[in-house]
Structure formats: structure tokens, C-alpha cells
Amino acid sequence: EFRDRVAAKSATLVFSSFYAGNPSSVYGHSLLRLNKSD
């Protein structure tokens, strides 16, 4: 059910730029996006 709900065909690394309002994000943040398309 988890696999079918995600339905990933590709993956994207996402960089979120710097945010001085939160100490843990002052250098930015990294995450992935699982794409249902290419």
C-alpha cells in the first residue's frame, strides 16, 4: 500500500535555501521528492 501510494517513477534532490529565522535551517535544508512522473 505504501509503495502504490508513493508510485515513484523518479527521484529529485531538493535544496531549500537559507533561513535565518530557524537555527537548524540557517545553512539551508536537503530533502528528496519522489515523482509520479519522470
PDB file of all heavy atoms in Angstrom:
ATOM      1  N   GLU A   1       0.836  -1.204   0.000  1.00  0.00           N
ATOM      2  CA  GLU A   1       0.000   0.000   0.000  1.00  0.00           C
ATOM      3  C   GLU A   1       0.869   1.253   0.000  1.00  0.00           C
ATOM      4  O   GLU A   1       0.578   2.234  -0.698  1.00  0.00           O
ATOM      5  CB  GLU A   1      -0.930  -0.011   1.213  1.00  0.00           C
ATOM      6  CG  GLU A   1      -2.061  -1.024   1.116  1.00  0.00           C
ATOM      7  CD  GLU A   1      -2.935  -1.030   2.361  1.00  0.00           C
ATOM      8  OE1 GLU A   1      -2.556  -0.378   3.368  1.00  0.00           O
ATOM      9  OE2 GLU A   1      -3.995  -1.693   2.336  1.00  0.00           O
ATOM     10  N   PHE A   2       1.943   1.223   0.792  1.00  0.00           N
ATOM     11  CA  PHE A   2       2.884   2.345   0.839  1.00  0.00           C
ATOM     12  C   PHE A   2       3.521   2.556  -0.536  1.00  0.00           C
ATOM     13  O   PHE A   2       3.555   3.682  -1.056  1.00  0.00           O
ATOM     14  CB  PHE A   2       3.955   2.054   1.891  1.00  0.00           C
ATOM     15  CG  PHE A   2       5.133   2.980   1.868  1.00  0.00           C
ATOM     16  CD1 PHE A   2       5.070   4.230   2.460  1.00  0.00           C
ATOM     17  CD2 PHE A   2       6.328   2.597   1.262  1.00  0.00           C
ATOM     18  CE1 PHE A   2       6.164   5.088   2.438  1.00  0.00           C
ATOM     19  CE2 PHE A   2       7.420   3.441   1.238  1.00  0.00           C
ATOM     20  CZ  PHE A   2       7.340   4.687   1.829  1.00  0.00           C
ATOM     21  N   ARG A   3       4.002   1.486  -1.139  1.00  0.00           N
ATOM     22  CA  ARG A   3       4.659   1.566  -2.445  1.00  0.00           C
ATOM     23  C   ARG A   3       3.697   2.091  -3.515  1.00  0.00           C
ATOM     24  O   ARG A   3       4.063   2.958  -4.318  1.00  0.00           O
ATOM     25  CB  ARG A   3       5.164   0.182  -2.824  1.00  0.00           C
ATOM     26  CG  ARG A   3       5.894   0.099  -4.160  1.00  0.00           C
ATOM     27  CD  ARG A   3       6.022  -1.350  -4.584  1.00  0.00           C
ATOM     28  NE  ARG A   3       4.703  -1.970  -4.755  1.00  0.00           N
ATOM     29  CZ  ARG A   3       4.489  -3.288  -4.739  1.00  0.00           C
ATOM     30  NH1 ARG A   3       5.497  -4.125  -4.538  1.00  0.00           N
ATOM     31  NH2 ARG A   3       3.266  -3.752  -4.915  1.00  0.00           N
ATOM     32  N   ASP A   4       2.469   1.599  -3.505  1.00  0.00           N
ATOM     33  CA  ASP A   4       1.499   2.021  -4.516  1.00  0.00           C
ATOM     34  C   ASP A   4       1.058   3.461  -4.309  1.00  0.00           C
ATOM     35  O   ASP A   4       0.764   4.182  -5.269  1.00  0.00           O
ATOM     36  CB  ASP A   4       0.282   1.090  -4.497  1.00  0.00           C
ATOM     37  CG  ASP A   4       0.634  -0.335  -4.922  1.00  0.00           C
ATOM     38  OD1 ASP A   4       1.719  -0.529  -5.511  1.00  0.00           O
ATOM     39  OD2 ASP A   4      -0.166  -1.244  -4.640  1.00  0.00           O
ATOM     40  N   ARG A   5       0.992   3.886  -3.058  1.00  0.00           N
ATOM     41  CA  ARG A   5       0.596   5.267  -2.779  1.00  0.00           C
ATOM     42  C   ARG A   5       1.679   6.243  -3.243  1.00  0.00           C
ATOM     43  O   ARG A   5       1.386   7.300  -3.804  1.00  0.00           O
ATOM     44  CB  ARG A   5       0.317   5.433  -1.292  1.00  0.00           C
ATOM     45  CG  ARG A   5      -0.308   6.761  -0.910  1.00  0.00           C
ATOM     46  CD  ARG A   5      -0.922   6.699   0.482  1.00  0.00           C
ATOM     47  NE  ARG A   5       0.041   6.330   1.509  1.00  0.00           N
ATOM     48  CZ  ARG A   5       0.035   5.174   2.176  1.00  0.00           C
ATOM     49  NH1 ARG A   5      -0.889   4.272   1.919  1.00  0.00           N
ATOM     50  NH2 ARG A   5       0.938   4.919   3.103  1.00  0.00           N
ATOM     51  N   VAL A   6       2.929   5.894  -3.015  1.00  0.00           N
ATOM     52  CA  VAL A   6       4.036   6.751  -3.452  1.00  0.00           C
ATOM     53  C   VAL A   6       4.146   6.743  -4.980  1.00  0.00           C
ATOM     54  O   VAL A   6       4.352   7.786  -5.606  1.00  0.00           O
ATOM     55  CB  VAL A   6       5.355   6.281  -2.806  1.00  0.00           C
ATOM     56  CG1 VAL A   6       6.542   7.015  -3.406  1.00  0.00           C
ATOM     57  CG2 VAL A   6       5.312   6.512  -1.294  1.00  0.00           C
ATOM     58  N   ALA A   7       4.022   5.561  -5.585  1.00  0.00           N
ATOM     59  CA  ALA A   7       4.021   5.406  -7.057  1.00  0.00           C
ATOM     60  C   ALA A   7       5.183   6.137  -7.714  1.00  0.00           C
ATOM     61  O   ALA A   7       5.002   6.878  -8.700  1.00  0.00           O
ATOM     62  CB  ALA A   7       2.683   5.896  -7.638  1.00  0.00           C
ATOM     63  N   ALA A   8       6.377   5.947  -7.190  1.00  0.00           N
ATOM     64  CA  ALA A   8       7.536   6.705  -7.665  1.00  0.00           C
ATOM     65  C   ALA A   8       8.085   6.151  -8.969  1.00  0.00           C
ATOM     66  O   ALA A   8       8.281   4.945  -9.114  1.00  0.00           O
ATOM     67  CB  ALA A   8       8.629   6.689  -6.597  1.00  0.00           C
ATOM     68  N   LYS A   9       8.342   7.059  -9.912  1.00  0.00           N
ATOM     69  CA  LYS A   9       8.997   6.708 -11.164  1.00  0.00           C
ATOM     70  C   LYS A   9      10.379   7.336 -11.274  1.00  0.00           C
ATOM     71  O   LYS A   9      11.196   6.923 -12.096  1.00  0.00           O
ATOM     72  CB  LYS A   9       8.142   7.152 -12.347  1.00  0.00           C
ATOM     73  CG  LYS A   9       6.845   6.367 -12.509  1.00  0.00           C
ATOM     74  CD  LYS A   9       6.100   6.791 -13.758  1.00  0.00           C
ATOM     75  CE  LYS A   9       4.825   5.983 -13.929  1.00  0.00           C
ATOM     76  NZ  LYS A   9       4.066   6.410 -15.138  1.00  0.00           N
ATOM     77  N   SER A  10      10.637   8.358 -10.471  1.00  0.00           N
ATOM     78  CA  SER A  10      11.939   9.028 -10.473  1.00  0.00           C
ATOM     79  C   SER A  10      12.109   9.747  -9.142  1.00  0.00           C
ATOM     80  O   SER A  10      11.192   9.785  -8.314  1.00  0.00           O
ATOM     81  CB  SER A  10      12.046  10.014 -11.646  1.00  0.00           C
ATOM     82  OG  SER A  10      11.087  11.050 -11.501  1.00  0.00           O
ATOM     83  N   ALA A  11      13.291  10.304  -8.924  1.00  0.00           N
ATOM     84  CA  ALA A  11      13.576  10.993  -7.656  1.00  0.00           C
ATOM     85  C   ALA A  11      14.321  12.292  -7.932  1.00  0.00           C
ATOM     86  O   ALA A  11      15.084  12.399  -8.901  1.00  0.00           O
ATOM     87  CB  ALA A  11      14.397  10.098  -6.734  1.00  0.00           C
ATOM     88  N   THR A  12      14.090  13.257  -7.072  1.00  0.00           N
ATOM     89  CA  THR A  12      14.688  14.584  -7.202  1.00  0.00           C
ATOM     90  C   THR A  12      15.247  15.013  -5.856  1.00  0.00           C
ATOM     91  O   THR A  12      14.546  14.930  -4.845  1.00  0.00           O
ATOM     92  CB  THR A  12      13.633  15.606  -7.673  1.00  0.00           C
ATOM     93  OG1 THR A  12      13.136  15.222  -8.961  1.00  0.00           O
ATOM     94  CG2 THR A  12      14.205  17.004  -7.760  1.00  0.00           C
ATOM     95  N   LEU A  13      16.502  15.448  -5.843  1.00  0.00           N
ATOM     96  CA  LEU A  13      17.075  16.040  -4.632  1.00  0.00           C
ATOM     97  C   LEU A  13      16.698  17.515  -4.600  1.00  0.00           C
ATOM     98  O   LEU A  13      16.862  18.227  -5.600  1.00  0.00           O
ATOM     99  CB  LEU A  13      18.594  15.891  -4.620  1.00  0.00           C
ATOM    100  CG  LEU A  13      19.311  16.499  -3.401  1.00  0.00           C
ATOM    101  CD1 LEU A  13      18.992  15.712  -2.131  1.00  0.00           C
ATOM    102  CD2 LEU A  13      20.823  16.548  -3.626  1.00  0.00           C
ATOM    103  N   VAL A  14      16.172  17.968  -3.467  1.00  0.00           N
ATOM    104  CA  VAL A  14      15.709  19.358  -3.339  1.00  0.00           C
ATOM    105  C   VAL A  14      16.559  20.078  -2.298  1.00  0.00           C
ATOM    106  O   VAL A  14      16.770  19.570  -1.191  1.00  0.00           O
ATOM    107  CB  VAL A  14      14.223  19.407  -2.929  1.00  0.00           C
ATOM    108  CG1 VAL A  14      13.757  20.855  -2.796  1.00  0.00           C
ATOM    109  CG2 VAL A  14      13.358  18.656  -3.930  1.00  0.00           C
ATOM    110  N   PHE A  15      17.047  21.245  -2.668  1.00  0.00           N
ATOM    111  CA  PHE A  15      17.779  22.117  -1.744  1.00  0.00           C
ATOM    112  C   PHE A  15      16.916  23.329  -1.440  1.00  0.00           C
ATOM    113  O   PHE A  15      16.497  24.049  -2.351  1.00  0.00           O
ATOM    114  CB  PHE A  15      19.108  22.555  -2.348  1.00  0.00           C
ATOM    115  CG  PHE A  15      19.826  23.623  -1.552  1.00  0.00           C
ATOM    116  CD1 PHE A  15      20.626  23.283  -0.477  1.00  0.00           C
ATOM    117  CD2 PHE A  15      19.674  24.963  -1.872  1.00  0.00           C
ATOM    118  CE1 PHE A  15      21.278  24.260   0.263  1.00  0.00           C
ATOM    119  CE2 PHE A  15      20.322  25.948  -1.139  1.00  0.00           C
ATOM    120  CZ  PHE A  15      21.127  25.592  -0.069  1.00  0.00           C
ATOM    121  N   SER A  16      16.622  23.537  -0.170  1.00  0.00           N
ATOM    122  CA  SER A  16      15.878  24.718   0.260  1.00  0.00           C
ATOM    123  C   SER A  16      16.877  25.740   0.782  1.00  0.00           C
ATOM    124  O   SER A  16      17.698  25.423   1.656  1.00  0.00           O
ATOM    125  CB  SER A  16      14.888  24.329   1.364  1.00  0.00           C
ATOM    126  OG  SER A  16      14.279  25.481   1.891  1.00  0.00           O
ATOM    127  N   SER A  17      16.823  26.946   0.272  1.00  0.00           N
ATOM    128  CA  SER A  17      17.847  27.933   0.593  1.00  0.00           C
ATOM    129  C   SER A  17      17.784  28.368   2.050  1.00  0.00           C
ATOM    130  O   SER A  17      16.909  27.978   2.804  1.00  0.00           O
ATOM    131  CB  SER A  17      17.719  29.151  -0.338  1.00  0.00           C
ATOM    132  OG  SER A  17      16.468  29.778  -0.178  1.00  0.00           O
ATOM    133  N   PHE A  18      18.714  29.185   2.408  1.00  0.00           N
ATOM    134  CA  PHE A  18      18.991  29.529   3.798  1.00  0.00           C
ATOM    135  C   PHE A  18      17.839  30.287   4.459  1.00  0.00           C
ATOM    136  O   PHE A  18      17.159  31.074   3.821  1.00  0.00           O
ATOM    137  CB  PHE A  18      20.269  30.375   3.839  1.00  0.00           C
ATOM    138  CG  PHE A  18      21.278  29.922   2.834  1.00  0.00           C
ATOM    139  CD1 PHE A  18      21.470  30.625   1.651  1.00  0.00           C
ATOM    140  CD2 PHE A  18      22.001  28.761   3.035  1.00  0.00           C
ATOM    141  CE1 PHE A  18      22.374  30.185   0.701  1.00  0.00           C
ATOM    142  CE2 PHE A  18      22.918  28.322   2.094  1.00  0.00           C
ATOM    143  CZ  PHE A  18      23.099  29.031   0.926  1.00  0.00           C
ATOM    144  N   TYR A  19      17.675  30.041   5.755  1.00  0.00           N
ATOM    145  CA  TYR A  19      16.597  30.683   6.503  1.00  0.00           C
ATOM    146  C   TYR A  19      17.109  31.030   7.896  1.00  0.00           C
ATOM    147  O   TYR A  19      17.290  30.165   8.738  1.00  0.00           O
ATOM    148  CB  TYR A  19      15.381  29.754   6.603  1.00  0.00           C
ATOM    149  CG  TYR A  19      14.222  30.334   7.384  1.00  0.00           C
ATOM    150  CD1 TYR A  19      13.648  31.545   7.032  1.00  0.00           C
ATOM    151  CD2 TYR A  19      13.689  29.647   8.472  1.00  0.00           C
ATOM    152  CE1 TYR A  19      12.580  32.076   7.741  1.00  0.00           C
ATOM    153  CE2 TYR A  19      12.622  30.166   9.186  1.00  0.00           C
ATOM    154  CZ  TYR A  19      12.064  31.376   8.815  1.00  0.00           C
ATOM    155  OH  TYR A  19      11.007  31.889   9.530  1.00  0.00           O
ATOM    156  N   ALA A  20      17.360  32.321   8.116  1.00  0.00           N
ATOM    157  CA  ALA A  20      17.930  32.755   9.384  1.00  0.00           C
ATOM    158  C   ALA A  20      16.928  32.729  10.530  1.00  0.00           C
ATOM    159  O   ALA A  20      17.303  32.853  11.693  1.00  0.00           O
ATOM    160  CB  ALA A  20      18.493  34.170   9.241  1.00  0.00           C
ATOM    161  N   GLY A  21      15.636  32.547  10.235  1.00  0.00           N
ATOM    162  CA  GLY A  21      14.617  32.532  11.283  1.00  0.00           C
ATOM    163  C   GLY A  21      14.606  31.265  12.115  1.00  0.00           C
ATOM    164  O   GLY A  21      13.904  31.193  13.120  1.00  0.00           O
ATOM    165  N   ASN A  22      15.353  30.255  11.710  1.00  0.00           N
ATOM    166  CA  ASN A  22      15.410  28.991  12.447  1.00  0.00           C
ATOM    167  C   ASN A  22      16.857  28.519  12.473  1.00  0.00           C
ATOM    168  O   ASN A  22      17.442  28.289  11.406  1.00  0.00           O
ATOM    169  CB  ASN A  22      14.520  27.945  11.768  1.00  0.00           C
ATOM    170  CG  ASN A  22      14.460  26.639  12.537  1.00  0.00           C
ATOM    171  OD1 ASN A  22      15.298  26.364  13.391  1.00  0.00           O
ATOM    172  ND2 ASN A  22      13.467  25.826  12.235  1.00  0.00           N
ATOM    173  N   PRO A  23      17.463  28.354  13.653  1.00  0.00           N
ATOM    174  CA  PRO A  23      18.880  27.965  13.710  1.00  0.00           C
ATOM    175  C   PRO A  23      19.195  26.687  12.938  1.00  0.00           C
ATOM    176  O   PRO A  23      20.262  26.560  12.353  1.00  0.00           O
ATOM    177  CB  PRO A  23      19.127  27.778  15.214  1.00  0.00           C
ATOM    178  CG  PRO A  23      18.103  28.617  15.877  1.00  0.00           C
ATOM    179  CD  PRO A  23      16.900  28.575  14.990  1.00  0.00           C
ATOM    180  N   SER A  24      18.250  25.735  12.915  1.00  0.00           N
ATOM    181  CA  SER A  24      18.525  24.464  12.241  1.00  0.00           C
ATOM    182  C   SER A  24      18.482  24.588  10.727  1.00  0.00           C
ATOM    183  O   SER A  24      18.866  23.662  10.017  1.00  0.00           O
ATOM    184  CB  SER A  24      17.515  23.404  12.693  1.00  0.00           C
ATOM    185  OG  SER A  24      16.214  23.748  12.294  1.00  0.00           O
ATOM    186  N   SER A  25      18.024  25.731  10.200  1.00  0.00           N
ATOM    187  CA  SER A  25      17.925  25.913   8.746  1.00  0.00           C
ATOM    188  C   SER A  25      18.792  27.053   8.238  1.00  0.00           C
ATOM    189  O   SER A  25      18.640  27.474   7.093  1.00  0.00           O
ATOM    190  CB  SER A  25      16.464  26.173   8.350  1.00  0.00           C
ATOM    191  OG  SER A  25      15.650  25.079   8.664  1.00  0.00           O
ATOM    192  N   VAL A  26      19.695  27.533   9.069  1.00  0.00           N
ATOM    193  CA  VAL A  26      20.470  28.705   8.680  1.00  0.00           C
ATOM    194  C   VAL A  26      21.401  28.397   7.511  1.00  0.00           C
ATOM    195  O   VAL A  26      21.802  29.299   6.772  1.00  0.00           O
ATOM    196  CB  VAL A  26      21.255  29.257   9.894  1.00  0.00           C
ATOM    197  CG1 VAL A  26      22.420  28.359  10.263  1.00  0.00           C
ATOM    198  CG2 VAL A  26      21.727  30.678   9.633  1.00  0.00           C
ATOM    199  N   TYR A  27      21.740  27.113   7.289  1.00  0.00           N
ATOM    200  CA  TYR A  27      22.576  26.734   6.149  1.00  0.00           C
ATOM    201  C   TYR A  27      21.758  26.102   5.030  1.00  0.00           C
ATOM    202  O   TYR A  27      22.309  25.581   4.074  1.00  0.00           O
ATOM    203  CB  TYR A  27      23.667  25.759   6.594  1.00  0.00           C
ATOM    204  CG  TYR A  27      24.701  26.387   7.500  1.00  0.00           C
ATOM    205  CD1 TYR A  27      24.725  26.099   8.856  1.00  0.00           C
ATOM    206  CD2 TYR A  27      25.636  27.291   6.991  1.00  0.00           C
ATOM    207  CE1 TYR A  27      25.657  26.689   9.694  1.00  0.00           C
ATOM    208  CE2 TYR A  27      26.570  27.888   7.822  1.00  0.00           C
ATOM    209  CZ  TYR A  27      26.581  27.580   9.165  1.00  0.00           C
ATOM    210  OH  TYR A  27      27.508  28.166  10.002  1.00  0.00           O
ATOM    211  N   GLY A  28      20.443  26.128   5.158  1.00  0.00           N
ATOM    212  CA  GLY A  28      19.587  25.507   4.165  1.00  0.00           C
ATOM    213  C   GLY A  28      19.104  24.141   4.633  1.00  0.00           C
ATOM    214  O   GLY A  28      19.293  23.752   5.801  1.00  0.00           O
ATOM    215  N   HIS A  29      18.502  23.397   3.726  1.00  0.00           N
ATOM    216  CA  HIS A  29      17.937  22.084   4.073  1.00  0.00           C
ATOM    217  C   HIS A  29      17.906  21.209   2.822  1.00  0.00           C
ATOM    218  O   HIS A  29      17.761  21.716   1.705  1.00  0.00           O
ATOM    219  CB  HIS A  29      16.519  22.252   4.632  1.00  0.00           C
ATOM    220  CG  HIS A  29      15.870  20.968   5.064  1.00  0.00           C
ATOM    221  ND1 HIS A  29      16.386  20.176   6.060  1.00  0.00           N
ATOM    222  CD2 HIS A  29      14.755  20.345   4.626  1.00  0.00           C
ATOM    223  CE1 HIS A  29      15.613  19.120   6.230  1.00  0.00           C
ATOM    224  NE2 HIS A  29      14.616  19.197   5.359  1.00  0.00           N
ATOM    225  N   SER A  30      18.079  19.902   3.008  1.00  0.00           N
ATOM    226  CA  SER A  30      18.027  18.948   1.896  1.00  0.00           C
ATOM    227  C   SER A  30      16.882  17.977   2.113  1.00  0.00           C
ATOM    228  O   SER A  30      16.642  17.531   3.237  1.00  0.00           O
ATOM    229  CB  SER A  30      19.341  18.155   1.808  1.00  0.00           C
ATOM    230  OG  SER A  30      20.436  19.006   1.613  1.00  0.00           O
ATOM    231  N   LEU A  31      16.182  17.637   1.044  1.00  0.00           N
ATOM    232  CA  LEU A  31      15.161  16.599   1.097  1.00  0.00           C
ATOM    233  C   LEU A  31      15.062  15.961  -0.284  1.00  0.00           C
ATOM    234  O   LEU A  31      15.692  16.418  -1.252  1.00  0.00           O
ATOM    235  CB  LEU A  31      13.810  17.150   1.536  1.00  0.00           C
ATOM    236  CG  LEU A  31      13.118  18.170   0.633  1.00  0.00           C
ATOM    237  CD1 LEU A  31      11.604  18.048   0.780  1.00  0.00           C
ATOM    238  CD2 LEU A  31      13.536  19.604   1.013  1.00  0.00           C
ATOM    239  N   LEU A  32      14.296  14.882  -0.384  1.00  0.00           N
ATOM    240  CA  LEU A  32      14.057  14.223  -1.665  1.00  0.00           C
ATOM    241  C   LEU A  32      12.599  14.399  -2.067  1.00  0.00           C
ATOM    242  O   LEU A  32      11.735  14.552  -1.206  1.00  0.00           O
ATOM    243  CB  LEU A  32      14.366  12.730  -1.575  1.00  0.00           C
ATOM    244  CG  LEU A  32      15.827  12.284  -1.636  1.00  0.00           C
ATOM    245  CD1 LEU A  32      15.907  10.783  -1.431  1.00  0.00           C
ATOM    246  CD2 LEU A  32      16.480  12.672  -2.949  1.00  0.00           C
ATOM    247  N   ARG A  33      12.341  14.366  -3.373  1.00  0.00           N
ATOM    248  CA  ARG A  33      10.975  14.296  -3.865  1.00  0.00           C
ATOM    249  C   ARG A  33      10.849  13.033  -4.712  1.00  0.00           C
ATOM    250  O   ARG A  33      11.680  12.791  -5.603  1.00  0.00           O
ATOM    251  CB  ARG A  33      10.626  15.517  -4.717  1.00  0.00           C
ATOM    252  CG  ARG A  33       9.134  15.613  -5.044  1.00  0.00           C
ATOM    253  CD  ARG A  33       8.814  16.793  -5.923  1.00  0.00           C
ATOM    254  NE  ARG A  33       9.281  16.615  -7.283  1.00  0.00           N
ATOM    255  CZ  ARG A  33       9.858  17.572  -8.019  1.00  0.00           C
ATOM    256  NH1 ARG A  33      10.029  18.776  -7.501  1.00  0.00           N
ATOM    257  NH2 ARG A  33      10.257  17.334  -9.248  1.00  0.00           N
ATOM    258  N   LEU A  34       9.839  12.225  -4.403  1.00  0.00           N
ATOM    259  CA  LEU A  34       9.571  11.021  -5.183  1.00  0.00           C
ATOM    260  C   LEU A  34       8.494  11.365  -6.206  1.00  0.00           C
ATOM    261  O   LEU A  34       7.372  11.720  -5.836  1.00  0.00           O
ATOM    262  CB  LEU A  34       9.107   9.890  -4.265  1.00  0.00           C
ATOM    263  CG  LEU A  34      10.117   9.483  -3.185  1.00  0.00           C
ATOM    264  CD1 LEU A  34       9.522   8.406  -2.291  1.00  0.00           C
ATOM    265  CD2 LEU A  34      11.421   8.996  -3.815  1.00  0.00           C
ATOM    266  N   ASN A  35       8.839  11.274  -7.480  1.00  0.00           N
ATOM    267  CA  ASN A  35       7.987  11.770  -8.547  1.00  0.00           C
ATOM    268  C   ASN A  35       7.132  10.657  -9.154  1.00  0.00           C
ATOM    269  O   ASN A  35       7.642   9.592  -9.500  1.00  0.00           O
ATOM    270  CB  ASN A  35       8.843  12.392  -9.657  1.00  0.00           C
ATOM    271  CG  ASN A  35       9.854  13.389  -9.116  1.00  0.00           C
ATOM    272  OD1 ASN A  35       9.492  14.311  -8.404  1.00  0.00           O
ATOM    273  ND2 ASN A  35      11.121  13.193  -9.447  1.00  0.00           N
ATOM    274  N   LYS A  36       5.856  10.954  -9.326  1.00  0.00           N
ATOM    275  CA  LYS A  36       4.975  10.022 -10.026  1.00  0.00           C
ATOM    276  C   LYS A  36       5.170  10.107 -11.532  1.00  0.00           C
ATOM    277  O   LYS A  36       4.654   9.285 -12.283  1.00  0.00           O
ATOM    278  CB  LYS A  36       3.512  10.313  -9.672  1.00  0.00           C
ATOM    279  CG  LYS A  36       3.169  10.047  -8.209  1.00  0.00           C
ATOM    280  CD  LYS A  36       1.700  10.324  -7.942  1.00  0.00           C
ATOM    281  CE  LYS A  36       1.319   9.966  -6.513  1.00  0.00           C
ATOM    282  NZ  LYS A  36       1.966  10.830  -5.514  1.00  0.00           N
ATOM    283  N   SER A  37       5.916  11.115 -11.970  1.00  0.00           N
ATOM    284  CA  SER A  37       6.246  11.273 -13.382  1.00  0.00           C
ATOM    285  C   SER A  37       7.767  11.199 -13.513  1.00  0.00           C
ATOM    286  O   SER A  37       8.469  10.922 -12.540  1.00  0.00           O
ATOM    287  CB  SER A  37       5.736  12.613 -13.906  1.00  0.00           C
ATOM    288  OG  SER A  37       6.346  13.670 -13.177  1.00  0.00           O
ATOM    289  N   ASP A  38       8.253  11.491 -14.704  1.00  0.00           N
ATOM    290  CA  ASP A  38       9.695  11.459 -14.931  1.00  0.00           C
ATOM    291  C   ASP A  38      10.308  12.801 -14.539  1.00  0.00           C
ATOM    292  O   ASP A  38      10.793  13.557 -15.371  1.00  0.00           O
ATOM    293  CB  ASP A  38       9.981  11.130 -16.393  1.00  0.00           C
ATOM    294  CG  ASP A  38      11.482  10.945 -16.647  1.00  0.00           C
ATOM    295  OD1 ASP A  38      12.225  10.755 -15.669  1.00  0.00           O
ATOM    296  OD2 ASP A  38      11.890  11.001 -17.814  1.00  0.00           O
TER     297      ASP A  38
END
